[in-house]
PDB file of N, CA and C in Angstrom:
ATOM      1  N   MET A   1       0.847  -1.166   0.000  1.00  0.00           N
ATOM      2  CA  MET A   1       0.000   0.000   0.000  1.00  0.00           C
ATOM      3  C   MET A   1       0.895   1.233   0.000  1.00  0.00           C
ATOM      4  N   GLY A   2       0.781   2.046  -1.019  1.00  0.00           N
ATOM      5  CA  GLY A   2       1.605   3.235  -1.122  1.00  0.00           C
ATOM      6  C   GLY A   2       1.044   4.434  -0.391  1.00  0.00           C
ATOM      7  N   SER A   3      -0.284   4.565  -0.410  1.00  0.00           N
ATOM      8  CA  SER A   3      -0.906   5.697   0.259  1.00  0.00           C
ATOM      9  C   SER A   3      -2.373   5.387   0.531  1.00  0.00           C
ATOM     10  N   ILE A   4      -2.957   6.215   1.375  1.00  0.00           N
ATOM     11  CA  ILE A   4      -4.381   6.093   1.683  1.00  0.00           C
ATOM     12  C   ILE A   4      -5.045   7.384   1.240  1.00  0.00           C
ATOM     13  N   LYS A   5      -6.023   7.253   0.377  1.00  0.00           N
ATOM     14  CA  LYS A   5      -6.734   8.403  -0.162  1.00  0.00           C
ATOM     15  C   LYS A   5      -7.301   9.242   0.985  1.00  0.00           C
ATOM     16  N   GLY A   6      -7.063  10.535   0.933  1.00  0.00           N
ATOM     17  CA  GLY A   6      -7.561  11.441   1.959  1.00  0.00           C
ATOM     18  C   GLY A   6      -6.623  11.632   3.138  1.00  0.00           C
ATOM     19  N   VAL A   7      -5.601  10.767   3.235  1.00  0.00           N
ATOM     20  CA  VAL A   7      -4.657  10.864   4.353  1.00  0.00           C
ATOM     21  C   VAL A   7      -3.246  11.114   3.820  1.00  0.00           C
ATOM     22  N   GLY A   8      -2.776  10.272   2.932  1.00  0.00           N
ATOM     23  CA  GLY A   8      -1.458  10.473   2.354  1.00  0.00           C
ATOM     24  C   GLY A   8      -0.626   9.212   2.308  1.00  0.00           C
ATOM     25  N   ASP A   9       0.689   9.411   2.176  1.00  0.00           N
ATOM     26  CA  ASP A   9       1.610   8.290   2.062  1.00  0.00           C
ATOM     27  C   ASP A   9       1.876   7.667   3.446  1.00  0.00           C
ATOM     28  N   PHE A  10       2.711   6.641   3.448  1.00  0.00           N
ATOM     29  CA  PHE A  10       2.974   5.894   4.683  1.00  0.00           C
ATOM     30  C   PHE A  10       3.428   6.804   5.819  1.00  0.00           C
ATOM     31  N   GLU A  11       4.345   7.718   5.537  1.00  0.00           N
ATOM     32  CA  GLU A  11       4.858   8.596   6.595  1.00  0.00           C
ATOM     33  C   GLU A  11       3.764   9.481   7.172  1.00  0.00           C
ATOM     34  N   ARG A  12       2.873   9.970   6.324  1.00  0.00           N
ATOM     35  CA  ARG A  12       1.762  10.806   6.799  1.00  0.00           C
ATOM     36  C   ARG A  12       0.787   9.971   7.626  1.00  0.00           C
ATOM     37  N   VAL A  13       0.493   8.763   7.155  1.00  0.00           N
ATOM     38  CA  VAL A  13      -0.408   7.879   7.901  1.00  0.00           C
ATOM     39  C   VAL A  13       0.192   7.579   9.273  1.00  0.00           C
ATOM     40  N   ARG A  14       1.474   7.298   9.293  1.00  0.00           N
ATOM     41  CA  ARG A  14       2.141   7.021  10.577  1.00  0.00           C
ATOM     42  C   ARG A  14       2.085   8.231  11.493  1.00  0.00           C
ATOM     43  N   ALA A  15       2.228   9.415  10.917  1.00  0.00           N
ATOM     44  CA  ALA A  15       2.203  10.643  11.712  1.00  0.00           C
ATOM     45  C   ALA A  15       0.846  10.891  12.356  1.00  0.00           C
ATOM     46  N   VAL A  16      -0.218  10.430  11.709  1.00  0.00           N
ATOM     47  CA  VAL A  16      -1.566  10.651  12.265  1.00  0.00           C
ATOM     48  C   VAL A  16      -2.113   9.388  12.937  1.00  0.00           C
ATOM     49  N   SER A  17      -1.227   8.451  13.230  1.00  0.00           N
ATOM     50  CA  SER A  17      -1.666   7.223  13.896  1.00  0.00           C
ATOM     51  C   SER A  17      -1.546   7.379  15.411  1.00  0.00           C
ATOM     52  N   ILE A  18      -2.212   6.496  16.112  1.00  0.00           N
ATOM     53  CA  ILE A  18      -2.130   6.446  17.568  1.00  0.00           C
ATOM     54  C   ILE A  18      -1.740   5.029  17.964  1.00  0.00           C
ATOM     55  N   GLU A  19      -1.222   4.890  19.157  1.00  0.00           N
ATOM     56  CA  GLU A  19      -0.837   3.568  19.645  1.00  0.00           C
ATOM     57  C   GLU A  19      -1.893   3.093  20.640  1.00  0.00           C
ATOM     58  N   ILE A  20      -2.362   1.854  20.452  1.00  0.00           N
ATOM     59  CA  ILE A  20      -3.349   1.261  21.352  1.00  0.00           C
ATOM     60  C   ILE A  20      -2.861  -0.118  21.784  1.00  0.00           C
ATOM     61  N   GLU A  21      -3.465  -0.626  22.846  1.00  0.00           N
ATOM     62  CA  GLU A  21      -3.177  -1.996  23.248  1.00  0.00           C
ATOM     63  C   GLU A  21      -4.291  -2.880  22.713  1.00  0.00           C
ATOM     64  N   LEU A  22      -3.907  -3.961  22.070  1.00  0.00           N
ATOM     65  CA  LEU A  22      -4.857  -4.884  21.464  1.00  0.00           C
ATOM     66  C   LEU A  22      -4.394  -6.300  21.736  1.00  0.00           C
ATOM     67  N   PHE A  23      -5.185  -7.043  22.481  1.00  0.00           N
ATOM     68  CA  PHE A  23      -4.846  -8.425  22.837  1.00  0.00           C
ATOM     69  C   PHE A  23      -3.472  -8.516  23.506  1.00  0.00           C
ATOM     70  N   GLY A  24      -3.187  -7.552  24.379  1.00  0.00           N
ATOM     71  CA  GLY A  24      -1.944  -7.569  25.123  1.00  0.00           C
ATOM     72  C   GLY A  24      -0.734  -7.059  24.374  1.00  0.00           C
ATOM     73  N   ARG A  25      -0.918  -6.531  23.184  1.00  0.00           N
ATOM     74  CA  ARG A  25       0.195  -6.009  22.381  1.00  0.00           C
ATOM     75  C   ARG A  25      -0.086  -4.561  21.999  1.00  0.00           C
ATOM     76  N   ARG A  26       0.985  -3.794  21.852  1.00  0.00           N
ATOM     77  CA  ARG A  26       0.856  -2.411  21.411  1.00  0.00           C
ATOM     78  C   ARG A  26       0.812  -2.380  19.882  1.00  0.00           C
ATOM     79  N   CYS A  27      -0.172  -1.664  19.337  1.00  0.00           N
ATOM     80  CA  CYS A  27      -0.352  -1.572  17.882  1.00  0.00           C
ATOM     81  C   CYS A  27      -0.572  -0.108  17.500  1.00  0.00           C
ATOM     82  N   ARG A  28      -0.150   0.249  16.302  1.00  0.00           N
ATOM     83  CA  ARG A  28      -0.430   1.583  15.770  1.00  0.00           C
ATOM     84  C   ARG A  28      -1.614   1.467  14.811  1.00  0.00           C
ATOM     85  N   VAL A  29      -2.574   2.389  14.959  1.00  0.00           N
ATOM     86  CA  VAL A  29      -3.746   2.442  14.084  1.00  0.00           C
ATOM     87  C   VAL A  29      -3.984   3.901  13.694  1.00  0.00           C
ATOM     88  N   MET A  30      -4.665   4.087  12.588  1.00  0.00           N
ATOM     89  CA  MET A  30      -4.999   5.456  12.181  1.00  0.00           C
ATOM     90  C   MET A  30      -5.891   6.094  13.235  1.00  0.00           C
ATOM     91  N   SER A  31      -5.690   7.371  13.462  1.00  0.00           N
ATOM     92  CA  SER A  31      -6.574   8.088  14.375  1.00  0.00           C
ATOM     93  C   SER A  31      -7.979   8.120  13.782  1.00  0.00           C
ATOM     94  N   ILE A  32      -8.957   8.347  14.622  1.00  0.00           N
ATOM     95  CA  ILE A  32     -10.341   8.388  14.142  1.00  0.00           C
ATOM     96  C   ILE A  32     -10.527   9.537  13.158  1.00  0.00           C
ATOM     97  N   GLU A  33      -9.831  10.662  13.383  1.00  0.00           N
ATOM     98  CA  GLU A  33      -9.932  11.797  12.473  1.00  0.00           C
ATOM     99  C   GLU A  33      -9.381  11.435  11.087  1.00  0.00           C
ATOM    100  N   ALA A  34      -8.255  10.716  11.048  1.00  0.00           N
ATOM    101  CA  ALA A  34      -7.681  10.292   9.769  1.00  0.00           C
ATOM    102  C   ALA A  34      -8.593   9.291   9.068  1.00  0.00           C
ATOM    103  N   LEU A  35      -9.190   8.398   9.830  1.00  0.00           N
ATOM    104  CA  LEU A  35     -10.115   7.424   9.247  1.00  0.00           C
ATOM    105  C   LEU A  35     -11.327   8.126   8.641  1.00  0.00           C
ATOM    106  N   ILE A  36     -11.815   9.149   9.315  1.00  0.00           N
ATOM    107  CA  ILE A  36     -12.931   9.934   8.775  1.00  0.00           C
ATOM    108  C   ILE A  36     -12.520  10.582   7.453  1.00  0.00           C
ATOM    109  N   ARG A  37     -11.327  11.198   7.410  1.00  0.00           N
ATOM    110  CA  ARG A  37     -10.859  11.829   6.165  1.00  0.00           C
ATOM    111  C   ARG A  37     -10.747  10.807   5.040  1.00  0.00           C
ATOM    112  N   ALA A  38     -10.237   9.627   5.346  1.00  0.00           N
ATOM    113  CA  ALA A  38     -10.080   8.585   4.325  1.00  0.00           C
ATOM    114  C   ALA A  38     -11.441   8.152   3.792  1.00  0.00           C
ATOM    115  N   LYS A  39     -12.386   7.933   4.682  1.00  0.00           N
ATOM    116  CA  LYS A  39     -13.709   7.490   4.248  1.00  0.00           C
ATOM    117  C   LYS A  39     -14.430   8.578   3.458  1.00  0.00           C
ATOM    118  N   GLU A  40     -14.261   9.840   3.859  1.00  0.00           N
ATOM    119  CA  GLU A  40     -14.859  10.941   3.097  1.00  0.00           C
ATOM    120  C   GLU A  40     -14.250  11.022   1.704  1.00  0.00           C
ATOM    121  N   ALA A  41     -12.956  10.805   1.595  1.00  0.00           N
ATOM    122  CA  ALA A  41     -12.278  10.873   0.298  1.00  0.00           C
ATOM    123  C   ALA A  41     -12.752   9.770  -0.638  1.00  0.00           C
ATOM    124  N   ILE A  42     -13.037   8.601  -0.077  1.00  0.00           N
ATOM    125  CA  ILE A  42     -13.536   7.497  -0.899  1.00  0.00           C
ATOM    126  C   ILE A  42     -14.958   7.803  -1.348  1.00  0.00           C
ATOM    127  N   GLY A  43     -15.794   8.245  -0.412  1.00  0.00           N
ATOM    128  CA  GLY A  43     -17.108   8.774  -0.754  1.00  0.00           C
ATOM    129  C   GLY A  43     -18.206   7.792  -1.101  1.00  0.00           C
ATOM    130  N   ARG A  44     -17.987   6.499  -0.914  1.00  0.00           N
ATOM    131  CA  ARG A  44     -19.066   5.545  -1.181  1.00  0.00           C
ATOM    132  C   ARG A  44     -20.178   5.736  -0.151  1.00  0.00           C
ATOM    133  N   ASP A  45     -21.381   5.323  -0.503  1.00  0.00           N
ATOM    134  CA  ASP A  45     -22.518   5.458   0.417  1.00  0.00           C
ATOM    135  C   ASP A  45     -22.216   4.815   1.767  1.00  0.00           C
ATOM    136  N   LYS A  46     -21.668   3.597   1.747  1.00  0.00           N
ATOM    137  CA  LYS A  46     -21.397   2.903   3.006  1.00  0.00           C
ATOM    138  C   LYS A  46     -20.318   3.616   3.813  1.00  0.00           C
ATOM    139  N   ASP A  47     -19.377   4.263   3.145  1.00  0.00           N
ATOM    140  CA  ASP A  47     -18.354   5.024   3.859  1.00  0.00           C
ATOM    141  C   ASP A  47     -18.949   6.281   4.487  1.00  0.00           C
ATOM    142  N   MET A  48     -19.858   6.928   3.784  1.00  0.00           N
ATOM    143  CA  MET A  48     -20.475   8.139   4.318  1.00  0.00           C
ATOM    144  C   MET A  48     -21.363   7.818   5.524  1.00  0.00           C
ATOM    145  N   ILE A  49     -21.975   6.645   5.527  1.00  0.00           N
ATOM    146  CA  ILE A  49     -22.734   6.205   6.706  1.00  0.00           C
ATOM    147  C   ILE A  49     -21.765   5.995   7.867  1.00  0.00           C
ATOM    148  N   ALA A  50     -20.641   5.364   7.593  1.00  0.00           N
ATOM    149  CA  ALA A  50     -19.628   5.128   8.627  1.00  0.00           C
ATOM    150  C   ALA A  50     -19.073   6.447   9.156  1.00  0.00           C
ATOM    151  N   VAL A  51     -18.928   7.454   8.283  1.00  0.00           N
ATOM    152  CA  VAL A  51     -18.418   8.762   8.704  1.00  0.00           C
ATOM    153  C   VAL A  51     -19.328   9.355   9.779  1.00  0.00           C
ATOM    154  N   LYS A  52     -20.635   9.264   9.584  1.00  0.00           N
ATOM    155  CA  LYS A  52     -21.574   9.780  10.588  1.00  0.00           C
ATOM    156  C   LYS A  52     -21.362   9.087  11.929  1.00  0.00           C
ATOM    157  N   GLU A  53     -21.200   7.779  11.888  1.00  0.00           N
ATOM    158  CA  GLU A  53     -20.994   7.013  13.118  1.00  0.00           C
ATOM    159  C   GLU A  53     -19.650   7.365  13.758  1.00  0.00           C
ATOM    160  N   LEU A  54     -18.613   7.482  12.938  1.00  0.00           N
ATOM    161  CA  LEU A  54     -17.286   7.814  13.457  1.00  0.00           C
ATOM    162  C   LEU A  54     -17.260   9.212  14.067  1.00  0.00           C
ATOM    163  N   ARG A  55     -17.961  10.157  13.452  1.00  0.00           N
ATOM    164  CA  ARG A  55     -18.030  11.508  14.028  1.00  0.00           C
ATOM    165  C   ARG A  55     -18.718  11.482  15.390  1.00  0.00           C
ATOM    166  N   ALA A  56     -19.771  10.682  15.526  1.00  0.00           N
ATOM    167  CA  ALA A  56     -20.460  10.565  16.817  1.00  0.00           C
ATOM    168  C   ALA A  56     -19.525   9.972  17.866  1.00  0.00           C
ATOM    169  N   ILE A  57     -18.747   8.975  17.485  1.00  0.00           N
ATOM    170  CA  ILE A  57     -17.782   8.357  18.404  1.00  0.00           C
ATOM    171  C   ILE A  57     -16.722   9.381  18.801  1.00  0.00           C
ATOM    172  N   ALA A  58     -16.199  10.120  17.822  1.00  0.00           N
ATOM    173  CA  ALA A  58     -15.170  11.118  18.099  1.00  0.00           C
ATOM    174  C   ALA A  58     -15.698  12.188  19.047  1.00  0.00           C
ATOM    175  N   GLU A  59     -16.924  12.629  18.834  1.00  0.00           N
ATOM    176  CA  GLU A  59     -17.520  13.632  19.711  1.00  0.00           C
ATOM    177  C   GLU A  59     -17.656  13.099  21.132  1.00  0.00           C
ATOM    178  N   LYS A  60     -18.091  11.870  21.260  1.00  0.00           N
ATOM    179  CA  LYS A  60     -18.225  11.258  22.597  1.00  0.00           C
ATOM    180  C   LYS A  60     -16.856  11.161  23.285  1.00  0.00           C
ATOM    181  N   GLN A  61     -15.815  10.815  22.523  1.00  0.00           N
ATOM    182  CA  GLN A  61     -14.464  10.733  23.088  1.00  0.00           C
ATOM    183  C   GLN A  61     -13.992  12.103  23.564  1.00  0.00           C
ATOM    184  N   ARG A  62     -14.316  13.156  22.824  1.00  0.00           N
ATOM    185  CA  ARG A  62     -13.901  14.509  23.220  1.00  0.00           C
ATOM    186  C   ARG A  62     -14.585  14.952  24.507  1.00  0.00           C
ATOM    187  N   GLN A  63     -15.776  14.437  24.758  1.00  0.00           N
ATOM    188  CA  GLN A  63     -16.544  14.829  25.936  1.00  0.00           C
ATOM    189  C   GLN A  63     -16.055  14.148  27.213  1.00  0.00           C
ATOM    190  N   THR A  64     -15.287  13.067  27.075  1.00  0.00           N
ATOM    191  CA  THR A  64     -14.817  12.352  28.263  1.00  0.00           C
ATOM    192  C   THR A  64     -13.425  12.745  28.647  1.00  0.00           C
TER     193      THR A  64
END
């Protein structure tokens, strides 16, 4: 994978990633904001539905 539409190349994706613990291991994943940008850039109906859900999750995270 050379790049992710709406986010950029590997270095940019890494820059906007966060580290989480998953099954006892530390993993890097795209931030929710970067995932929203990627899904908006793709623009399929199912992605736009996911964007609404992701924005609601992001808002809830900001409130805590």
